[in-house]
N, C-alpha and C. Protein backbone atom coordinates (compact mmCIF):
# COMPACT_ATOMS: atom_id res chain seq x y z
N MET A 1 -53.05 33.30 -155.68
CA MET A 1 -54.14 34.25 -155.69
C MET A 1 -55.28 33.62 -156.49
N GLN A 2 -56.43 33.50 -155.88
CA GLN A 2 -57.62 33.00 -156.57
C GLN A 2 -58.35 34.19 -157.16
N LEU A 3 -58.44 34.21 -158.50
CA LEU A 3 -58.94 35.37 -159.22
C LEU A 3 -60.00 34.95 -160.22
N THR A 4 -61.06 35.75 -160.31
CA THR A 4 -62.09 35.57 -161.33
C THR A 4 -62.09 36.82 -162.19
N MET A 5 -62.08 36.63 -163.52
CA MET A 5 -62.10 37.74 -164.47
C MET A 5 -63.24 37.56 -165.45
N SER A 6 -63.88 38.68 -165.81
CA SER A 6 -64.88 38.65 -166.87
C SER A 6 -64.84 39.98 -167.60
N PHE A 7 -65.35 39.98 -168.83
CA PHE A 7 -65.35 41.17 -169.67
C PHE A 7 -66.73 41.36 -170.25
N ASN A 8 -67.29 42.55 -170.10
CA ASN A 8 -68.57 42.90 -170.70
C ASN A 8 -68.27 43.76 -171.92
N ARG A 9 -68.41 43.15 -173.10
CA ARG A 9 -68.06 43.82 -174.35
C ARG A 9 -68.95 45.03 -174.61
N GLU A 10 -70.23 44.95 -174.23
CA GLU A 10 -71.16 46.06 -174.48
C GLU A 10 -70.77 47.31 -173.69
N LYS A 11 -70.33 47.12 -172.47
CA LYS A 11 -69.96 48.25 -171.61
C LYS A 11 -68.45 48.48 -171.56
N ASN A 12 -67.67 47.59 -172.19
CA ASN A 12 -66.20 47.67 -172.15
C ASN A 12 -65.67 47.67 -170.72
N ASN A 13 -66.27 46.84 -169.87
CA ASN A 13 -65.85 46.72 -168.47
C ASN A 13 -65.17 45.39 -168.21
N VAL A 14 -64.06 45.43 -167.54
CA VAL A 14 -63.41 44.23 -167.03
C VAL A 14 -63.71 44.18 -165.54
N THR A 15 -64.20 43.02 -165.08
CA THR A 15 -64.48 42.83 -163.67
C THR A 15 -63.52 41.79 -163.12
N LEU A 16 -62.81 42.15 -162.06
CA LEU A 16 -61.87 41.25 -161.40
C LEU A 16 -62.35 41.03 -159.97
N THR A 17 -62.34 39.79 -159.54
CA THR A 17 -62.68 39.46 -158.16
C THR A 17 -61.56 38.63 -157.58
N VAL A 18 -60.92 39.14 -156.54
CA VAL A 18 -59.90 38.39 -155.82
C VAL A 18 -60.60 37.75 -154.63
N LYS A 19 -60.68 36.42 -154.65
CA LYS A 19 -61.39 35.70 -153.60
C LYS A 19 -60.51 35.48 -152.38
N GLN A 20 -59.37 34.87 -152.61
CA GLN A 20 -58.48 34.60 -151.48
C GLN A 20 -57.05 34.44 -151.96
N ILE A 21 -56.14 34.52 -151.01
CA ILE A 21 -54.72 34.34 -151.28
C ILE A 21 -54.19 33.36 -150.24
N GLU A 22 -53.48 32.34 -150.73
CA GLU A 22 -52.96 31.31 -149.83
C GLU A 22 -51.45 31.20 -149.96
N ASN A 23 -50.87 30.46 -149.03
CA ASN A 23 -49.44 30.12 -149.04
C ASN A 23 -48.54 31.35 -149.03
N LEU A 24 -48.88 32.30 -148.22
CA LEU A 24 -48.02 33.48 -148.09
C LEU A 24 -46.88 33.15 -147.13
N ASP A 25 -45.70 33.58 -147.46
CA ASP A 25 -44.53 33.34 -146.62
C ASP A 25 -44.22 34.62 -145.86
N LEU A 26 -45.04 34.89 -144.85
CA LEU A 26 -44.85 36.11 -144.06
C LEU A 26 -44.50 35.73 -142.63
N LYS A 27 -43.78 36.61 -141.98
CA LYS A 27 -43.45 36.39 -140.57
C LYS A 27 -44.71 36.62 -139.73
N LYS A 28 -44.78 35.88 -138.66
CA LYS A 28 -45.92 36.04 -137.74
C LYS A 28 -45.86 37.43 -137.14
N GLY A 29 -47.00 37.98 -136.91
CA GLY A 29 -47.07 39.32 -136.34
C GLY A 29 -48.31 40.01 -136.83
N LYS A 30 -48.51 41.17 -136.35
CA LYS A 30 -49.71 41.91 -136.72
C LYS A 30 -49.42 42.76 -137.95
N CYS A 31 -50.08 42.42 -139.02
CA CYS A 31 -50.00 43.26 -140.21
C CYS A 31 -51.32 43.13 -140.97
N LYS A 32 -51.61 44.12 -141.74
CA LYS A 32 -52.80 44.12 -142.57
C LYS A 32 -52.37 44.04 -144.02
N LEU A 33 -53.16 43.34 -144.82
CA LEU A 33 -52.88 43.19 -146.23
C LEU A 33 -53.94 43.91 -147.05
N TYR A 34 -53.53 44.47 -148.18
CA TYR A 34 -54.49 45.09 -149.08
C TYR A 34 -54.01 44.90 -150.51
N LEU A 35 -54.95 45.06 -151.43
CA LEU A 35 -54.67 44.92 -152.86
C LEU A 35 -54.68 46.28 -153.50
N LYS A 36 -53.77 46.48 -154.43
CA LYS A 36 -53.73 47.72 -155.21
C LYS A 36 -53.79 47.33 -156.68
N PHE A 37 -54.77 47.88 -157.40
CA PHE A 37 -54.98 47.56 -158.80
C PHE A 37 -54.53 48.74 -159.66
N PHE A 38 -53.79 48.44 -160.71
CA PHE A 38 -53.38 49.46 -161.66
C PHE A 38 -53.85 49.03 -163.04
N LEU A 39 -54.56 49.89 -163.73
CA LEU A 39 -54.93 49.64 -165.12
C LEU A 39 -54.07 50.54 -165.98
N PHE A 40 -53.31 49.93 -166.89
CA PHE A 40 -52.47 50.68 -167.79
C PHE A 40 -53.09 50.63 -169.17
N GLY A 41 -53.17 51.75 -169.79
CA GLY A 41 -53.72 51.88 -171.13
C GLY A 41 -53.48 53.32 -171.54
N GLU A 42 -54.55 53.97 -171.96
CA GLU A 42 -54.43 55.37 -172.33
C GLU A 42 -54.08 56.22 -171.11
N LYS A 43 -54.75 55.95 -170.00
CA LYS A 43 -54.47 56.63 -168.74
C LYS A 43 -54.22 55.56 -167.68
N LYS A 44 -53.46 55.92 -166.67
CA LYS A 44 -53.23 54.99 -165.58
C LYS A 44 -54.30 55.22 -164.51
N LYS A 45 -55.02 54.17 -164.17
CA LYS A 45 -56.03 54.25 -163.12
C LYS A 45 -55.58 53.38 -161.97
N GLU A 46 -55.98 53.75 -160.77
CA GLU A 46 -55.55 53.02 -159.58
C GLU A 46 -56.73 52.86 -158.63
N LYS A 47 -56.90 51.65 -158.08
CA LYS A 47 -57.94 51.38 -157.08
C LYS A 47 -57.32 50.54 -155.98
N MET A 48 -57.86 50.68 -154.75
CA MET A 48 -57.33 49.97 -153.61
C MET A 48 -58.45 49.26 -152.86
N SER A 49 -58.16 48.06 -152.36
CA SER A 49 -59.13 47.32 -151.56
C SER A 49 -59.04 47.76 -150.10
N ASP A 50 -59.98 47.32 -149.30
CA ASP A 50 -59.89 47.50 -147.86
C ASP A 50 -58.80 46.58 -147.32
N ALA A 51 -58.23 46.93 -146.19
CA ALA A 51 -57.20 46.11 -145.58
C ALA A 51 -57.85 44.98 -144.78
N VAL A 52 -57.23 43.81 -144.80
CA VAL A 52 -57.69 42.67 -144.02
C VAL A 52 -56.54 42.18 -143.16
N ASN A 53 -56.86 41.50 -142.06
CA ASN A 53 -55.83 40.98 -141.16
C ASN A 53 -55.14 39.77 -141.78
N TYR A 54 -53.85 39.66 -141.54
CA TYR A 54 -53.06 38.54 -142.06
C TYR A 54 -53.42 37.26 -141.34
N ASP A 55 -53.59 36.20 -142.11
CA ASP A 55 -53.82 34.86 -141.61
C ASP A 55 -53.17 33.92 -142.62
N THR A 56 -53.17 32.62 -142.36
CA THR A 56 -52.56 31.69 -143.31
C THR A 56 -53.30 31.69 -144.64
N LYS A 57 -54.60 31.90 -144.60
CA LYS A 57 -55.39 32.03 -145.82
C LYS A 57 -56.14 33.36 -145.72
N VAL A 58 -55.82 34.28 -146.60
CA VAL A 58 -56.40 35.61 -146.54
C VAL A 58 -57.61 35.66 -147.49
N VAL A 59 -58.78 35.96 -146.96
CA VAL A 59 -59.99 36.04 -147.76
C VAL A 59 -60.30 37.50 -148.04
N PHE A 60 -60.34 37.87 -149.32
CA PHE A 60 -60.64 39.24 -149.70
C PHE A 60 -62.08 39.39 -150.19
N ASN A 61 -62.50 38.55 -151.13
CA ASN A 61 -63.80 38.70 -151.79
C ASN A 61 -63.98 40.15 -152.26
N TYR A 62 -62.97 40.69 -152.89
CA TYR A 62 -62.99 42.08 -153.35
C TYR A 62 -63.16 42.10 -154.86
N SER A 63 -64.18 42.83 -155.31
CA SER A 63 -64.44 42.97 -156.75
C SER A 63 -64.13 44.38 -157.19
N MET A 64 -63.58 44.47 -158.39
CA MET A 64 -63.26 45.76 -158.97
C MET A 64 -63.64 45.70 -160.43
N SER A 65 -64.35 46.72 -160.87
CA SER A 65 -64.74 46.80 -162.27
C SER A 65 -64.18 48.09 -162.84
N VAL A 66 -63.60 47.98 -164.04
CA VAL A 66 -62.98 49.15 -164.64
C VAL A 66 -63.29 49.17 -166.13
N LYS A 67 -63.54 50.35 -166.63
CA LYS A 67 -63.82 50.52 -168.06
C LYS A 67 -62.50 50.63 -168.80
N ILE A 68 -62.40 49.90 -169.92
CA ILE A 68 -61.17 49.97 -170.71
C ILE A 68 -61.50 50.49 -172.10
N ASP A 69 -60.51 51.11 -172.71
CA ASP A 69 -60.67 51.69 -174.03
C ASP A 69 -60.60 50.59 -175.08
N PRO A 70 -61.69 50.36 -175.84
CA PRO A 70 -61.69 49.27 -176.81
C PRO A 70 -60.72 49.49 -177.98
N SER A 71 -60.40 50.73 -178.29
CA SER A 71 -59.47 50.99 -179.40
C SER A 71 -58.04 50.61 -179.04
N GLY A 72 -57.72 50.61 -177.77
CA GLY A 72 -56.37 50.25 -177.32
C GLY A 72 -56.33 48.92 -176.61
N MET A 73 -57.21 48.01 -177.00
CA MET A 73 -57.34 46.73 -176.31
C MET A 73 -56.03 45.95 -176.25
N LYS A 74 -55.20 46.06 -177.28
CA LYS A 74 -53.95 45.31 -177.32
C LYS A 74 -52.89 45.90 -176.41
N GLN A 75 -53.09 47.11 -175.92
CA GLN A 75 -52.11 47.74 -175.04
C GLN A 75 -52.54 47.76 -173.58
N ASN A 76 -53.81 47.45 -173.29
CA ASN A 76 -54.30 47.50 -171.92
C ASN A 76 -53.79 46.30 -171.13
N TYR A 77 -53.43 46.54 -169.88
CA TYR A 77 -53.11 45.44 -168.98
C TYR A 77 -53.35 45.90 -167.55
N ILE A 78 -53.48 44.92 -166.67
CA ILE A 78 -53.80 45.20 -165.27
C ILE A 78 -52.72 44.58 -164.39
N VAL A 79 -52.28 45.34 -163.40
CA VAL A 79 -51.33 44.84 -162.41
C VAL A 79 -52.04 44.84 -161.06
N ILE A 80 -52.00 43.69 -160.39
CA ILE A 80 -52.57 43.57 -159.05
C ILE A 80 -51.41 43.37 -158.09
N CYS A 81 -51.27 44.28 -157.14
CA CYS A 81 -50.19 44.22 -156.15
C CYS A 81 -50.76 43.87 -154.79
N LEU A 82 -50.13 42.93 -154.10
CA LEU A 82 -50.48 42.62 -152.73
C LEU A 82 -49.47 43.34 -151.85
N LYS A 83 -49.97 44.14 -150.93
CA LYS A 83 -49.10 44.94 -150.06
C LYS A 83 -49.48 44.71 -148.62
N SER A 84 -48.53 44.94 -147.74
CA SER A 84 -48.79 44.82 -146.30
C SER A 84 -48.51 46.16 -145.63
N LYS A 85 -49.23 46.37 -144.56
CA LYS A 85 -49.01 47.55 -143.73
C LYS A 85 -48.83 47.02 -142.31
N ASP A 86 -47.66 47.28 -141.72
CA ASP A 86 -47.38 46.74 -140.39
C ASP A 86 -47.75 47.75 -139.31
N ALA A 87 -47.40 47.40 -138.08
CA ALA A 87 -47.79 48.22 -136.92
C ALA A 87 -47.22 49.64 -136.98
N ILE A 88 -46.07 49.82 -137.62
CA ILE A 88 -45.50 51.16 -137.71
C ILE A 88 -45.87 51.83 -139.03
N LYS A 89 -46.90 51.30 -139.67
CA LYS A 89 -47.51 51.88 -140.87
C LYS A 89 -46.57 51.98 -142.06
N GLN A 90 -45.67 51.00 -142.17
CA GLN A 90 -44.81 50.94 -143.35
C GLN A 90 -45.45 50.00 -144.37
N ASN A 91 -45.48 50.44 -145.62
CA ASN A 91 -46.03 49.62 -146.69
C ASN A 91 -44.91 48.80 -147.32
N LYS A 92 -45.23 47.55 -147.63
CA LYS A 92 -44.25 46.66 -148.23
C LYS A 92 -44.94 45.82 -149.29
N SER A 93 -44.32 45.70 -150.46
CA SER A 93 -44.87 44.84 -151.52
C SER A 93 -44.56 43.39 -151.19
N ILE A 94 -45.58 42.55 -151.33
CA ILE A 94 -45.42 41.13 -151.07
C ILE A 94 -45.39 40.35 -152.38
N GLY A 95 -46.20 40.76 -153.33
CA GLY A 95 -46.24 40.08 -154.61
C GLY A 95 -47.11 40.84 -155.58
N ARG A 96 -47.05 40.42 -156.86
CA ARG A 96 -47.89 41.06 -157.86
C ARG A 96 -48.23 40.07 -158.95
N LEU A 97 -49.26 40.41 -159.68
CA LEU A 97 -49.73 39.61 -160.80
C LEU A 97 -50.03 40.56 -161.94
N ILE A 98 -49.51 40.25 -163.13
CA ILE A 98 -49.76 41.09 -164.30
C ILE A 98 -50.67 40.32 -165.24
N ILE A 99 -51.78 40.96 -165.61
CA ILE A 99 -52.76 40.34 -166.50
C ILE A 99 -52.81 41.15 -167.79
N GLY A 100 -52.48 40.50 -168.90
CA GLY A 100 -52.44 41.18 -170.20
C GLY A 100 -51.05 41.67 -170.47
N PRO A 101 -50.83 42.37 -171.54
CA PRO A 101 -51.70 42.73 -172.65
C PRO A 101 -51.77 41.67 -173.74
N TYR A 102 -51.00 40.57 -173.57
CA TYR A 102 -50.91 39.58 -174.65
C TYR A 102 -52.11 38.65 -174.66
N PHE A 103 -52.64 38.37 -175.83
CA PHE A 103 -53.77 37.46 -176.00
C PHE A 103 -53.31 36.02 -176.14
N TYR A 104 -52.11 35.82 -176.67
CA TYR A 104 -51.60 34.47 -176.93
C TYR A 104 -50.31 34.22 -176.17
N ALA A 105 -50.09 32.96 -175.79
CA ALA A 105 -48.87 32.57 -175.10
C ALA A 105 -47.70 32.55 -176.09
N GLU A 106 -46.53 32.19 -175.61
CA GLU A 106 -45.33 32.22 -176.44
C GLU A 106 -45.41 31.34 -177.68
N ASP A 107 -46.19 30.26 -177.63
CA ASP A 107 -46.29 29.37 -178.79
C ASP A 107 -47.13 29.97 -179.92
N GLY A 108 -47.84 31.07 -179.65
CA GLY A 108 -48.63 31.74 -180.67
C GLY A 108 -49.99 31.12 -180.93
N LYS A 109 -50.31 30.03 -180.26
CA LYS A 109 -51.58 29.33 -180.48
C LYS A 109 -52.46 29.29 -179.24
N THR A 110 -51.85 29.12 -178.09
CA THR A 110 -52.59 29.00 -176.84
C THR A 110 -53.00 30.38 -176.34
N LEU A 111 -54.28 30.52 -176.01
CA LEU A 111 -54.77 31.79 -175.46
C LEU A 111 -54.34 31.95 -174.01
N THR A 112 -53.95 33.14 -173.65
CA THR A 112 -53.68 33.46 -172.25
C THR A 112 -55.03 33.68 -171.56
N PRO A 113 -55.07 33.72 -170.23
CA PRO A 113 -56.33 34.04 -169.56
C PRO A 113 -56.90 35.38 -170.02
N TRP A 114 -56.05 36.38 -170.22
CA TRP A 114 -56.49 37.69 -170.70
C TRP A 114 -57.12 37.55 -172.09
N GLY A 115 -56.51 36.76 -172.96
CA GLY A 115 -57.04 36.53 -174.30
C GLY A 115 -58.38 35.83 -174.27
N ARG A 116 -58.54 34.84 -173.40
CA ARG A 116 -59.81 34.13 -173.29
C ARG A 116 -60.92 35.06 -172.81
N VAL A 117 -60.59 35.94 -171.88
CA VAL A 117 -61.59 36.87 -171.34
C VAL A 117 -61.98 37.92 -172.38
N VAL A 118 -60.99 38.54 -173.00
CA VAL A 118 -61.26 39.66 -173.91
C VAL A 118 -61.76 39.20 -175.28
N LEU A 119 -61.14 38.17 -175.86
CA LEU A 119 -61.51 37.75 -177.21
C LEU A 119 -62.78 36.91 -177.25
N TYR A 120 -62.99 36.06 -176.25
CA TYR A 120 -64.11 35.12 -176.29
C TYR A 120 -65.14 35.33 -175.19
N ASN A 121 -65.02 36.40 -174.44
CA ASN A 121 -65.98 36.74 -173.36
C ASN A 121 -66.15 35.61 -172.36
N GLU A 122 -65.12 34.81 -172.15
CA GLU A 122 -65.18 33.76 -171.14
C GLU A 122 -65.03 34.38 -169.76
N THR A 123 -65.59 33.72 -168.77
CA THR A 123 -65.33 34.09 -167.39
C THR A 123 -64.30 33.11 -166.87
N ILE A 124 -63.18 33.62 -166.43
CA ILE A 124 -62.07 32.80 -165.96
C ILE A 124 -62.06 32.82 -164.44
N SER A 125 -61.96 31.67 -163.84
CA SER A 125 -61.76 31.56 -162.40
C SER A 125 -60.59 30.61 -162.20
N ASN A 126 -59.48 31.14 -161.72
CA ASN A 126 -58.27 30.36 -161.69
C ASN A 126 -57.38 30.82 -160.54
N SER A 127 -56.43 29.98 -160.17
CA SER A 127 -55.40 30.37 -159.21
C SER A 127 -54.17 30.79 -159.99
N PHE A 128 -53.61 31.92 -159.62
CA PHE A 128 -52.43 32.45 -160.27
C PHE A 128 -51.33 32.59 -159.23
N ARG A 129 -50.10 32.36 -159.65
CA ARG A 129 -48.95 32.54 -158.78
C ARG A 129 -48.48 33.99 -158.88
N MET A 130 -48.29 34.61 -157.74
CA MET A 130 -47.76 35.97 -157.69
C MET A 130 -46.24 35.93 -157.69
N TYR A 131 -45.62 37.02 -158.07
CA TYR A 131 -44.17 37.13 -158.01
C TYR A 131 -43.81 38.56 -157.62
N LEU A 132 -42.57 38.75 -157.26
CA LEU A 132 -42.08 40.09 -156.89
C LEU A 132 -41.42 40.77 -158.04
């Protein structure tokens, strides 16, 4: 999943842009893919992208901006789920990516992408591996 993240400290907004998703191991056939975003913190918020047709490289170019509570910054995290809807309208999870809540990696020194975005206001553009 190619993802860009940024944080606006003045407005307490996190902006996520999913550009494209590659190397999906799906069976050939007609299905539509969509993204479901969950923000966990004080309240659970949910947003959904438009559905796109499955291809070997799925281009979303979908941006989502969400306001987060600055007092609970250490507890906020975002889950991005990739789901498919087939011809008989059954939804199936294909993969997910969890961003946050930790600022540092296991070694205690290296910043995670979430830490770089929230602590240093960096804009991160990176490819992330999804998992089930």
